[in-house]
Amino acid sequence: MANASALRKSSNPFLAGNLAPVDVETTAFDLSVTGKLPDELSGRYLRNGPNPIGEVNPDSYHWFLGSGMVHGVRINDGKAEWYRNRWVRDR
């Protein structure tokens, strides 16, 4: 895959900034929270979005093309217990 930090500076808006591809799957526990989560809030927040695997051509790439990634956060008792992301297995 093209270097993720290089793509963050891409002129293609679908490969830059917050839309730049994430190049690793990860899991993190005991996340720090800015502000306060309500103690009553309990569950998972999931976000599904585009995330290409492998080399992409910034001149022709569109976020409708290619693979995706699911991101999730587990919230319980006013804490963000974990975050993880995984590529959508599409083949």
C-alpha atoms as a PDB file:
ATOM      1  CA  MET A   1       0.000   0.000   0.000  1.00  0.00           C
ATOM      2  CA  ALA A   2       1.148   3.507  -0.599  1.00  0.00           C
ATOM      3  CA  ASN A   3       2.551   5.071   2.549  1.00  0.00           C
ATOM      4  CA  ALA A   4      -0.424   6.219   4.671  1.00  0.00           C
ATOM      5  CA  SER A   5       1.340   9.379   5.846  1.00  0.00           C
ATOM      6  CA  ALA A   6       2.115  10.314   2.235  1.00  0.00           C
ATOM      7  CA  LEU A   7      -1.517   9.745   1.262  1.00  0.00           C
ATOM      8  CA  ARG A   8      -2.677  12.056   4.079  1.00  0.00           C
ATOM      9  CA  LYS A   9      -1.114  14.856   2.036  1.00  0.00           C
ATOM     10  CA  SER A  10      -2.600  13.630  -1.270  1.00  0.00           C
ATOM     11  CA  SER A  11      -4.445  16.014  -3.569  1.00  0.00           C
ATOM     12  CA  ASN A  12      -7.119  13.315  -3.954  1.00  0.00           C
ATOM     13  CA  PRO A  13      -9.755  14.237  -1.328  1.00  0.00           C
ATOM     14  CA  PHE A  14     -10.663  10.546  -0.835  1.00  0.00           C
ATOM     15  CA  LEU A  15      -7.069   9.736   0.206  1.00  0.00           C
ATOM     16  CA  ALA A  16      -6.238  12.763   2.359  1.00  0.00           C
ATOM     17  CA  GLY A  17      -6.700  13.895   5.940  1.00  0.00           C
ATOM     18  CA  ASN A  18      -9.252  11.905   7.928  1.00  0.00           C
ATOM     19  CA  LEU A  19     -10.172   9.918   4.796  1.00  0.00           C
ATOM     20  CA  ALA A  20      -6.611   8.644   4.275  1.00  0.00           C
ATOM     21  CA  PRO A  21      -6.383   4.840   4.398  1.00  0.00           C
ATOM     22  CA  VAL A  22      -5.530   3.117   7.664  1.00  0.00           C
ATOM     23  CA  ASP A  23      -2.824   0.563   6.886  1.00  0.00           C
ATOM     24  CA  VAL A  24      -3.035  -1.666   9.995  1.00  0.00           C
ATOM     25  CA  GLU A  25      -5.647  -3.531  11.981  1.00  0.00           C
ATOM     26  CA  THR A  26      -5.345  -2.745  15.681  1.00  0.00           C
ATOM     27  CA  THR A  27      -6.957  -3.262  19.056  1.00  0.00           C
ATOM     28  CA  ALA A  28      -6.511  -0.876  21.996  1.00  0.00           C
ATOM     29  CA  PHE A  29      -7.866  -1.102  25.551  1.00  0.00           C
ATOM     30  CA  ASP A  30      -8.657   1.390  28.348  1.00  0.00           C
ATOM     31  CA  LEU A  31      -8.953   4.397  26.048  1.00  0.00           C
ATOM     32  CA  SER A  32      -8.585   7.922  27.369  1.00  0.00           C
ATOM     33  CA  VAL A  33     -11.714  10.057  27.026  1.00  0.00           C
ATOM     34  CA  THR A  34     -11.761  13.816  26.580  1.00  0.00           C
ATOM     35  CA  GLY A  35     -14.773  15.113  28.481  1.00  0.00           C
ATOM     36  CA  LYS A  36     -17.218  12.691  30.080  1.00  0.00           C
ATOM     37  CA  LEU A  37     -19.263   9.787  28.778  1.00  0.00           C
ATOM     38  CA  PRO A  38     -22.626   9.339  30.539  1.00  0.00           C
ATOM     39  CA  ASP A  39     -22.532   6.394  32.955  1.00  0.00           C
ATOM     40  CA  GLU A  40     -25.854   5.194  31.505  1.00  0.00           C
ATOM     41  CA  LEU A  41     -24.422   4.916  27.992  1.00  0.00           C
ATOM     42  CA  SER A  42     -23.558   1.310  27.251  1.00  0.00           C
ATOM     43  CA  GLY A  43     -22.945  -0.428  23.945  1.00  0.00           C
ATOM     44  CA  ARG A  44     -20.833  -0.352  20.823  1.00  0.00           C
ATOM     45  CA  TYR A  45     -20.355   2.384  18.261  1.00  0.00           C
ATOM     46  CA  LEU A  46     -19.503   0.937  14.847  1.00  0.00           C
ATOM     47  CA  ARG A  47     -18.449   2.809  11.732  1.00  0.00           C
ATOM     48  CA  ASN A  48     -18.094   1.185   8.333  1.00  0.00           C
ATOM     49  CA  GLY A  49     -16.262   3.035   5.589  1.00  0.00           C
ATOM     50  CA  PRO A  50     -13.897   2.788   2.640  1.00  0.00           C
ATOM     51  CA  ASN A  51     -10.300   1.723   3.157  1.00  0.00           C
ATOM     52  CA  PRO A  52      -8.284   0.376   0.219  1.00  0.00           C
ATOM     53  CA  ILE A  53      -5.897  -2.531   0.659  1.00  0.00           C
ATOM     54  CA  GLY A  54      -2.793  -2.398  -1.496  1.00  0.00           C
ATOM     55  CA  GLU A  55      -1.474   0.156  -3.919  1.00  0.00           C
ATOM     56  CA  VAL A  56      -3.860   2.818  -5.184  1.00  0.00           C
ATOM     57  CA  ASN A  57      -3.479   5.350  -7.963  1.00  0.00           C
ATOM     58  CA  PRO A  58      -4.287   8.742  -6.401  1.00  0.00           C
ATOM     59  CA  ASP A  59      -5.186  10.148  -9.827  1.00  0.00           C
ATOM     60  CA  SER A  60      -8.023   7.680 -10.410  1.00  0.00           C
ATOM     61  CA  TYR A  61      -9.004   6.417  -6.940  1.00  0.00           C
ATOM     62  CA  HIS A  62     -12.582   6.940  -5.751  1.00  0.00           C
ATOM     63  CA  TRP A  63     -13.858   5.809  -2.363  1.00  0.00           C
ATOM     64  CA  PHE A  64     -16.625   3.715  -4.000  1.00  0.00           C
ATOM     65  CA  LEU A  65     -13.858   1.417  -5.297  1.00  0.00           C
ATOM     66  CA  GLY A  66     -12.095  -1.230  -3.291  1.00  0.00           C
ATOM     67  CA  SER A  67     -12.293  -2.593   0.208  1.00  0.00           C
ATOM     68  CA  GLY A  68     -13.610  -1.191   3.452  1.00  0.00           C
ATOM     69  CA  MET A  69     -12.854  -1.152   7.152  1.00  0.00           C
ATOM     70  CA  VAL A  70     -15.070  -1.396  10.223  1.00  0.00           C
ATOM     71  CA  HIS A  71     -14.104   0.571  13.339  1.00  0.00           C
ATOM     72  CA  GLY A  72     -15.662  -0.090  16.740  1.00  0.00           C
ATOM     73  CA  VAL A  73     -15.600   1.357  20.247  1.00  0.00           C
ATOM     74  CA  ARG A  74     -17.077  -0.392  23.301  1.00  0.00           C
ATOM     75  CA  ILE A  75     -18.574   2.058  25.818  1.00  0.00           C
ATOM     76  CA  ASN A  76     -19.612   0.971  29.324  1.00  0.00           C
ATOM     77  CA  ASP A  77     -19.958   2.668  32.745  1.00  0.00           C
ATOM     78  CA  GLY A  78     -18.601   6.003  31.491  1.00  0.00           C
ATOM     79  CA  LYS A  79     -15.499   4.417  29.964  1.00  0.00           C
ATOM     80  CA  ALA A  80     -14.327   3.604  26.455  1.00  0.00           C
ATOM     81  CA  GLU A  81     -13.236   0.027  27.104  1.00  0.00           C
ATOM     82  CA  TRP A  82     -11.729  -0.803  23.732  1.00  0.00           C
ATOM     83  CA  TYR A  83     -11.280   0.238  20.122  1.00  0.00           C
ATOM     84  CA  ARG A  84     -10.605  -2.106  17.230  1.00  0.00           C
ATOM     85  CA  ASN A  85     -10.648  -1.942  13.470  1.00  0.00           C
ATOM     86  CA  ARG A  86     -10.762  -4.691  10.861  1.00  0.00           C
ATOM     87  CA  TRP A  87     -10.754  -4.774   7.083  1.00  0.00           C
ATOM     88  CA  VAL A  88     -13.948  -6.020   5.496  1.00  0.00           C
ATOM     89  CA  ARG A  89     -13.090  -9.448   4.074  1.00  0.00           C
ATOM     90  CA  ASP A  90     -14.486  -9.088   0.567  1.00  0.00           C
ATOM     91  CA  ARG A  91     -12.792 -11.929  -1.320  1.00  0.00           C
END
